[in-house]
């Protein structure tokens, strides 16, 4: 709101930390005539933004669930670490649950770890203390996965389970490349989407036609066989 009043902006590109608190402020920005691009974490009310750029969150959940289901041969006990309570977190969980529906995979517990390494560590410590058998962990995000890895390592339980994260963080991709049995795969959630969103917003103003609607990026499964093409050692992420 300060940007609109002080700088007379023509466009706003915003990646909400949480969907709910930003929905009304962004609506007011839009009502002032500003072109609005929302990135990644959608607002809680549809139709406010002009352009939405995101990874395919439902697909990320679905791909993760399909891998875990196949790897466990349709049965086993798993735990889930969710992200921040947002629209995209709900989409990921919905895709995951649809993928394991009809199997005998049992979700022992599902708690928010806020896409945060420290929270992932604490939630996983709690799971390890409460559950004697865990066959797999869906960490949903690579920051969470790093915390989960440390908790599992400290509990000396690396041999009993595997972890599926998501995003494409270079540290996790390197583990996949190296054949780490604890982290056998990852699911891509394109980290450069904010740059894509900025490029598309500029195109709206300089191209011959409007750039509107949704631009959704895919979430392929990253395995040891294809990990090299997703590994960028000089990346900050």
Foldseek 3Di string as FASTA:
>chain_A
DCCCVPPVDQEDEDEDLAQEVCQVVLLVVVVVNHAYEYEAFHHPDPDSHFEYEWAQLLQQLQQVLLVVCVVVVQAFEAEEEFAPPTPSSVSSPVSNCVNSPPGHYHHPYYYYQHLALCSLLVVLLVVVVPDVAHAEYEHAAVNSVNSNVVNCVVVVNQVRYAYEYEALPQVLLVCQLVCPRNYFKYKHTDPCRSVVRVVLVVCCVPPPHHRGDYDYHYIDIGGNVRSVVSHDPPDPD
